[in-house]
Protein backbone atom coordinates (compact mmCIF):
# COMPACT_ATOMS: atom_id res chain seq x y z
CA MET A 1 11.86 -15.38 16.05
CA ASN A 2 12.91 -16.44 12.57
CA THR A 3 14.81 -13.43 11.22
CA THR A 4 14.96 -14.94 7.69
CA LEU A 5 11.17 -14.96 7.39
CA PHE A 6 11.07 -11.90 5.15
CA PRO A 7 13.06 -11.45 1.94
CA THR A 8 16.47 -9.83 2.07
CA LEU A 9 16.70 -6.58 0.12
CA HIS A 10 19.69 -4.71 -1.18
CA PHE A 11 19.31 -1.10 -0.07
CA THR A 12 20.85 1.07 2.59
CA GLN A 13 19.18 0.04 5.83
CA THR A 14 18.79 2.90 8.27
CA THR A 15 17.69 3.20 11.85
CA GLY A 16 15.84 5.98 13.61
CA GLU A 17 13.08 6.86 16.02
CA ARG A 18 9.79 6.81 14.12
CA ALA A 19 8.61 4.84 11.08
CA LEU A 20 5.22 5.12 9.38
CA VAL A 21 4.04 2.12 7.37
CA LEU A 22 1.28 2.68 4.79
CA GLY A 23 -0.18 -0.57 3.48
CA GLY A 24 -1.90 -1.39 0.22
CA GLY A 25 -5.63 -1.63 -0.30
CA GLY A 26 -6.70 -0.16 -3.61
CA SER A 27 -8.40 3.16 -4.23
CA THR A 28 -10.58 3.01 -1.13
CA GLY A 29 -7.54 1.97 0.89
CA ASN A 30 -5.69 5.07 -0.26
CA ALA A 31 -8.67 7.25 0.72
CA TRP A 32 -8.82 5.61 4.16
CA LEU A 33 -5.10 6.20 4.69
CA ILE A 34 -5.47 9.88 3.83
CA GLY A 35 -8.44 10.09 6.20
CA VAL A 36 -6.60 8.51 9.12
CA ILE A 37 -3.55 10.73 8.66
CA ALA A 38 -5.73 13.86 8.36
CA GLY A 39 -7.75 12.87 11.44
CA LEU A 40 -4.58 12.41 13.47
CA PHE A 41 -3.14 15.65 12.12
CA GLU A 42 -6.19 17.75 12.92
CA ALA A 43 -6.25 16.29 16.44
CA GLY A 44 -2.67 17.41 17.00
CA LEU A 45 -0.62 14.37 15.94
CA ASP A 46 1.42 14.86 12.76
CA VAL A 47 2.71 11.46 11.59
CA THR A 48 3.93 12.91 8.29
CA THR A 49 7.11 13.91 10.16
CA ALA A 50 8.18 10.26 10.48
CA ASP A 51 11.90 9.61 10.02
CA LEU A 52 10.94 6.81 7.61
CA THR A 53 7.79 6.24 5.58
CA ILE A 54 7.21 2.88 3.88
CA GLY A 55 4.61 2.78 1.11
CA THR A 56 3.20 -0.27 -0.63
CA SER A 57 0.78 -0.12 -3.57
CA ALA A 58 -1.99 2.32 -2.55
CA GLY A 59 0.21 3.16 0.41
CA SER A 60 3.00 4.25 -1.92
CA THR A 61 0.63 6.80 -3.46
CA ALA A 62 -0.33 8.01 0.02
CA ALA A 63 3.34 8.21 1.03
CA ALA A 64 4.08 10.46 -1.94
CA GLN A 65 0.92 12.51 -1.38
CA ILE A 66 1.55 13.31 2.29
CA ALA A 67 5.13 14.25 1.45
CA GLY A 68 3.91 16.95 -0.93
CA ALA A 69 0.65 18.27 0.50
CA ASP A 70 -1.10 19.14 3.76
CA PRO A 71 -3.14 16.19 5.12
CA THR A 72 -6.22 18.37 5.64
CA GLU A 73 -6.12 19.50 2.02
CA LEU A 74 -5.69 15.93 0.79
CA PHE A 75 -8.66 14.80 2.87
CA ALA A 76 -10.85 17.67 1.70
CA ALA A 77 -10.06 16.88 -1.93
CA THR A 78 -10.89 13.21 -1.39
CA VAL A 79 -14.28 13.73 0.23
CA ALA A 80 -15.19 16.48 -2.23
CA THR A 81 -14.97 14.04 -5.14
CA VAL A 82 -18.44 13.46 -6.58
CA PRO A 83 -19.09 9.69 -6.49
CA GLN A 84 -19.94 8.10 -9.81
CA GLN A 85 -23.58 7.11 -10.10
CA ARG A 86 -24.10 3.38 -9.81
CA THR A 87 -26.53 1.44 -11.95
CA GLY A 88 -29.11 -0.97 -10.59
CA PRO A 89 -32.13 -0.59 -8.36
CA VAL A 90 -31.90 1.30 -5.08
CA GLY A 91 -30.92 -1.05 -2.28
CA SER A 92 -29.50 -3.67 -4.65
CA GLU A 93 -26.50 -5.60 -3.46
CA ARG A 94 -23.16 -3.99 -4.30
CA ARG A 95 -21.14 -6.19 -6.63
CA PRO A 96 -17.34 -6.28 -6.58
CA HIS A 97 -15.61 -4.06 -9.12
CA ARG A 98 -15.15 -6.39 -12.13
CA PRO A 99 -11.43 -5.79 -12.87
CA MET A 100 -10.70 -6.21 -9.16
CA ALA A 101 -12.73 -9.41 -9.04
CA ASP A 102 -10.90 -10.80 -12.09
CA GLN A 103 -7.51 -9.95 -10.61
CA LEU A 104 -8.48 -11.51 -7.28
CA GLU A 105 -9.52 -14.71 -9.04
CA ARG A 106 -6.19 -14.92 -10.87
CA PHE A 107 -4.32 -14.19 -7.63
CA LEU A 108 -6.11 -16.94 -5.71
CA LYS A 109 -5.38 -19.50 -8.44
CA ILE A 110 -1.69 -18.64 -8.33
CA ILE A 111 -1.62 -18.84 -4.53
CA ASP A 112 -3.23 -22.29 -4.70
CA SER A 113 -0.56 -23.55 -7.10
CA ALA A 114 2.46 -21.91 -5.39
CA GLU A 115 4.80 -23.69 -2.99
CA ASP A 116 5.58 -20.58 -0.95
CA VAL A 117 5.60 -16.80 -1.19
CA THR A 118 8.80 -16.80 -3.27
CA ASP A 119 7.24 -19.15 -5.81
CA MET A 120 4.07 -17.06 -5.78
CA ARG A 121 5.98 -13.90 -6.67
CA ARG A 122 7.67 -15.66 -9.58
CA ARG A 123 4.36 -16.97 -10.86
CA MET A 124 2.71 -13.56 -10.52
CA GLY A 125 5.55 -12.00 -12.49
CA THR A 126 5.31 -14.59 -15.24
CA ALA A 127 1.55 -14.15 -15.51
CA ALA A 128 1.97 -10.37 -15.74
CA LEU A 129 4.59 -10.66 -18.48
CA ASP A 130 2.34 -13.04 -20.44
CA ARG A 131 -0.53 -10.55 -20.23
CA GLU A 132 1.80 -7.72 -21.28
CA ALA A 133 2.92 -9.67 -24.35
CA ALA A 134 -0.72 -9.97 -25.43
CA SER A 135 -1.52 -6.28 -24.83
CA ASP A 136 -1.21 -3.34 -27.20
CA GLY A 137 1.36 -1.63 -24.96
CA SER A 138 -0.72 1.49 -24.36
CA TRP A 139 -1.20 0.79 -20.65
CA GLN A 140 2.28 1.97 -19.66
CA ALA A 141 1.92 5.62 -20.68
CA GLN A 142 -1.69 5.81 -19.50
CA TRP A 143 -0.81 4.42 -16.08
CA ARG A 144 2.15 6.75 -15.61
CA ALA A 145 -0.02 9.77 -16.47
CA THR A 146 -2.70 8.60 -14.04
CA VAL A 147 -0.21 8.18 -11.20
CA ALA A 148 1.48 11.52 -11.95
CA SER A 149 -1.88 13.30 -11.76
CA ARG A 150 -2.39 12.02 -8.21
CA LEU A 151 0.89 13.31 -6.79
CA PRO A 152 1.20 16.88 -5.45
CA SER A 153 4.92 16.77 -6.24
CA GLN A 154 6.90 14.53 -8.54
CA LEU A 155 10.12 15.00 -6.57
CA TRP A 156 11.35 12.62 -3.92
CA PRO A 157 10.89 14.19 -0.46
CA GLU A 158 13.86 15.02 1.74
CA ARG A 159 12.69 12.60 4.45
CA SER A 160 13.37 8.93 3.86
CA VAL A 161 10.63 7.19 1.87
CA LEU A 162 10.75 3.56 0.74
CA ILE A 163 8.50 2.35 -2.09
CA THR A 164 8.14 -1.40 -2.58
CA ALA A 165 7.77 -3.40 -5.80
CA VAL A 166 8.61 -6.84 -7.20
CA ASP A 167 10.78 -7.62 -10.23
CA ALA A 168 8.42 -9.34 -12.68
CA ARG A 169 11.18 -11.37 -14.36
CA THR A 170 12.82 -12.78 -11.24
CA GLY A 171 10.13 -12.44 -8.59
CA GLU A 172 12.66 -10.72 -6.35
CA PRO A 173 11.50 -7.86 -4.10
CA VAL A 174 12.71 -4.34 -4.83
CA VAL A 175 12.73 -1.17 -2.74
CA PHE A 176 13.00 2.25 -4.38
CA ASP A 177 14.13 5.40 -2.60
CA GLN A 178 15.56 8.77 -3.52
CA HIS A 179 18.96 7.17 -4.19
CA SER A 180 17.66 4.52 -6.63
CA GLY A 181 17.93 6.70 -9.73
CA VAL A 182 14.21 6.18 -10.37
CA ASP A 183 11.64 8.97 -10.65
CA LEU A 184 9.12 9.07 -7.80
CA VAL A 185 6.24 8.73 -10.30
CA ASP A 186 7.78 5.57 -11.74
CA ALA A 187 8.43 4.09 -8.31
CA VAL A 188 4.80 4.64 -7.26
CA ALA A 189 3.46 3.38 -10.61
CA ALA A 190 5.49 0.18 -10.22
CA SER A 191 4.39 -0.32 -6.63
CA CYS A 192 0.73 0.01 -7.68
CA ALA A 193 0.99 -2.30 -10.72
CA GLY A 194 -1.45 -4.85 -9.34
CA GLY A 195 -3.92 -4.91 -12.20
CA GLY A 196 -2.31 -7.81 -14.04
CA LEU A 197 0.18 -5.93 -16.20
CA PRO A 198 3.81 -5.08 -15.34
CA TYR A 199 5.13 -1.54 -15.23
CA LEU A 200 8.39 -0.88 -17.06
CA ILE A 201 11.15 1.29 -15.62
CA GLY A 202 13.72 1.35 -18.38
CA ASP A 203 13.82 -2.25 -19.57
CA ASN A 204 12.90 -3.70 -16.19
CA PRO A 205 9.29 -4.79 -15.56
CA TYR A 206 7.78 -4.58 -12.07
CA ILE A 207 4.60 -5.68 -10.34
CA ASP A 208 2.79 -4.56 -7.20
CA GLY A 209 4.81 -4.23 -4.00
CA GLY A 210 2.04 -5.99 -2.11
CA TYR A 211 3.26 -9.28 -3.59
CA ARG A 212 6.55 -9.00 -1.71
CA ALA A 213 5.23 -10.51 1.52
CA ASN A 214 1.86 -8.94 2.29
CA ALA A 215 0.17 -5.59 1.78
CA GLU A 216 2.07 -3.83 4.59
CA ASN A 217 5.77 -4.81 4.37
CA ALA A 218 6.17 -3.46 7.90
CA ASP A 219 9.29 -5.56 8.46
CA LEU A 220 11.23 -2.98 6.44
CA ALA A 221 10.98 -0.71 9.49
CA VAL A 222 13.25 -3.00 11.51
CA GLY A 223 15.70 -0.90 13.55
CA TYR A 224 13.24 1.92 14.25
CA GLU A 225 12.18 2.56 17.84
CA ARG A 226 8.50 3.22 17.15
CA VAL A 227 6.54 1.91 14.19
CA LEU A 228 3.00 2.96 13.33
CA VAL A 229 1.30 0.68 10.79
CA LEU A 230 -1.82 1.71 8.85
CA SER A 231 -3.34 -1.34 7.15
CA PRO A 232 -6.41 -0.77 4.95
CA LEU A 233 -6.84 -4.53 4.56
CA GLY A 234 -6.97 -5.01 8.31
CA GLY A 235 -3.79 -7.06 8.49
CA ARG A 236 -5.46 -9.98 6.75
CA THR A 237 -3.77 -12.11 4.11
CA LEU A 238 -4.93 -14.44 1.34
CA HIS A 239 -1.76 -16.49 1.76
CA PRO A 240 -1.70 -19.79 3.67
CA LEU A 241 -0.96 -19.02 7.32
CA ASP A 242 2.15 -21.21 7.30
CA TRP A 243 3.73 -18.79 4.82
CA GLY A 244 4.04 -16.40 7.77
CA THR A 245 3.40 -13.18 5.84
CA ARG A 246 0.41 -11.70 7.68
CA LEU A 247 0.75 -8.43 9.56
CA ALA A 248 0.73 -10.08 12.99
CA VAL A 249 3.91 -11.96 12.09
CA GLN A 250 5.53 -8.78 10.78
CA VAL A 251 4.68 -7.02 14.04
CA ASP A 252 6.16 -9.88 16.08
CA TYR A 253 9.31 -9.65 13.98
CA LEU A 254 9.65 -5.92 14.67
CA ARG A 255 8.99 -6.30 18.39
CA ALA A 256 11.53 -9.09 18.67
CA ALA A 257 14.06 -6.66 17.14
CA GLY A 258 13.24 -4.04 19.79
CA SER A 259 10.60 -1.85 18.12
CA ARG A 260 7.43 -0.62 19.75
CA VAL A 261 4.59 -1.12 17.27
CA GLU A 262 1.03 0.18 17.00
CA SER A 263 -1.38 -0.71 14.21
CA ILE A 264 -4.53 0.95 12.89
CA VAL A 265 -7.01 -1.02 10.78
CA PRO A 266 -10.48 -0.07 9.48
CA ASP A 267 -13.43 -0.41 11.84
CA SER A 268 -15.26 -3.70 11.42
CA GLY A 269 -18.38 -1.89 10.26
CA ALA A 270 -16.50 -0.48 7.26
CA GLU A 271 -15.19 -3.74 5.79
CA HIS A 272 -17.55 -3.44 2.81
CA LEU A 273 -15.50 -0.46 1.62
CA PHE A 274 -12.37 -2.55 1.04
CA GLY A 275 -11.33 -5.92 -0.34
CA ALA A 276 -13.39 -6.79 -3.42
CA ASN A 277 -14.71 -3.19 -3.57
CA ALA A 278 -11.30 -1.58 -3.22
CA MET A 279 -11.32 -0.13 -6.75
CA ASP A 280 -14.83 1.34 -6.52
CA LEU A 281 -14.16 5.06 -6.84
CA SER A 282 -17.63 5.91 -5.58
CA LEU A 283 -16.62 4.58 -2.15
CA ARG A 284 -13.57 6.81 -1.71
CA PRO A 285 -15.33 9.64 0.16
CA ALA A 286 -16.92 7.20 2.59
CA ALA A 287 -13.61 5.41 3.16
CA ALA A 288 -11.84 8.72 3.80
CA ARG A 289 -14.48 9.77 6.33
CA VAL A 290 -14.19 6.44 8.17
CA GLY A 291 -10.43 6.88 8.34
CA HIS A 292 -10.74 10.46 9.51
CA GLY A 293 -13.03 9.46 12.34
CA GLN A 294 -10.63 6.75 13.44
CA GLY A 295 -7.63 9.08 13.30
CA SER A 296 -9.43 11.71 15.36
CA ALA A 297 -10.48 9.14 17.97
CA LEU A 298 -7.03 7.54 18.25
CA ALA A 299 -4.86 10.67 18.30
CA ALA A 300 -4.85 11.14 22.07
CA ARG A 301 -3.90 7.51 22.75
CA LEU A 302 -1.15 7.48 20.13
CA THR A 303 0.41 10.83 21.04
CA GLY A 304 2.51 9.44 23.87
CA PHE A 305 3.64 6.52 21.71
CA TRP A 306 4.62 8.65 18.72
CA ARG A 307 6.27 11.54 20.58
């Protein structure tokens, strides 16, 4: 196994028994994560007690949420949200959320022109900085307020939580934790900055942590005995396969280092809730319910693994 496959990061690497990895996947991905965790919890398996939680993009929001609130309450709040009414005739085909579609188009163009994942991160950072230079600058405060409103607590939890991001100027991966000197809200806002604009922490601009390698960043759990990965995007990647960033490669990397790994991905019948529709807020209750059903069904099988 090539142990240099994933980028080296400068943070205090720890080891322990159990790591929970929460991958990115937009607004519906966040709802699905909350649903899975609540389903497991209500069936008797509490994964919020992990020694390490790794959050990327939507998963960073979920990591902060489960650290500050009961999973059942988070799930109830998610499914209670009244979906926005959609326009168009009944039964009409659901179109991808336009901002998400635009961002996906830009992302695919950059992937096509990049030599490898390192070059892709640099190009994504440059594109984000160019868009920021042409903006009116109001996005920063609005985005921070939005992220803050989603978090039950704005304090870093006592348990170890890692939040991923990418430096927009250098393209280098970054991991924030309670020792980084960065507010939890800012760390999550940076990790979720996938909409085409960078998020500033001080004078440093950051983009979405999902650009580091892939949406999960499960390799950061190396050294932990048991690793549970929740991947809203199903472990898929838009990168060329020879870049070696997809979840299956991350899992192989962890297992080669001695970890036992289990992964949960959305049921195949729920794929329409994610991907191009990931920012459709009207789909959040449905995504949460799908996750809850999966968590409930998988709890018995995963109990022996986790405990």
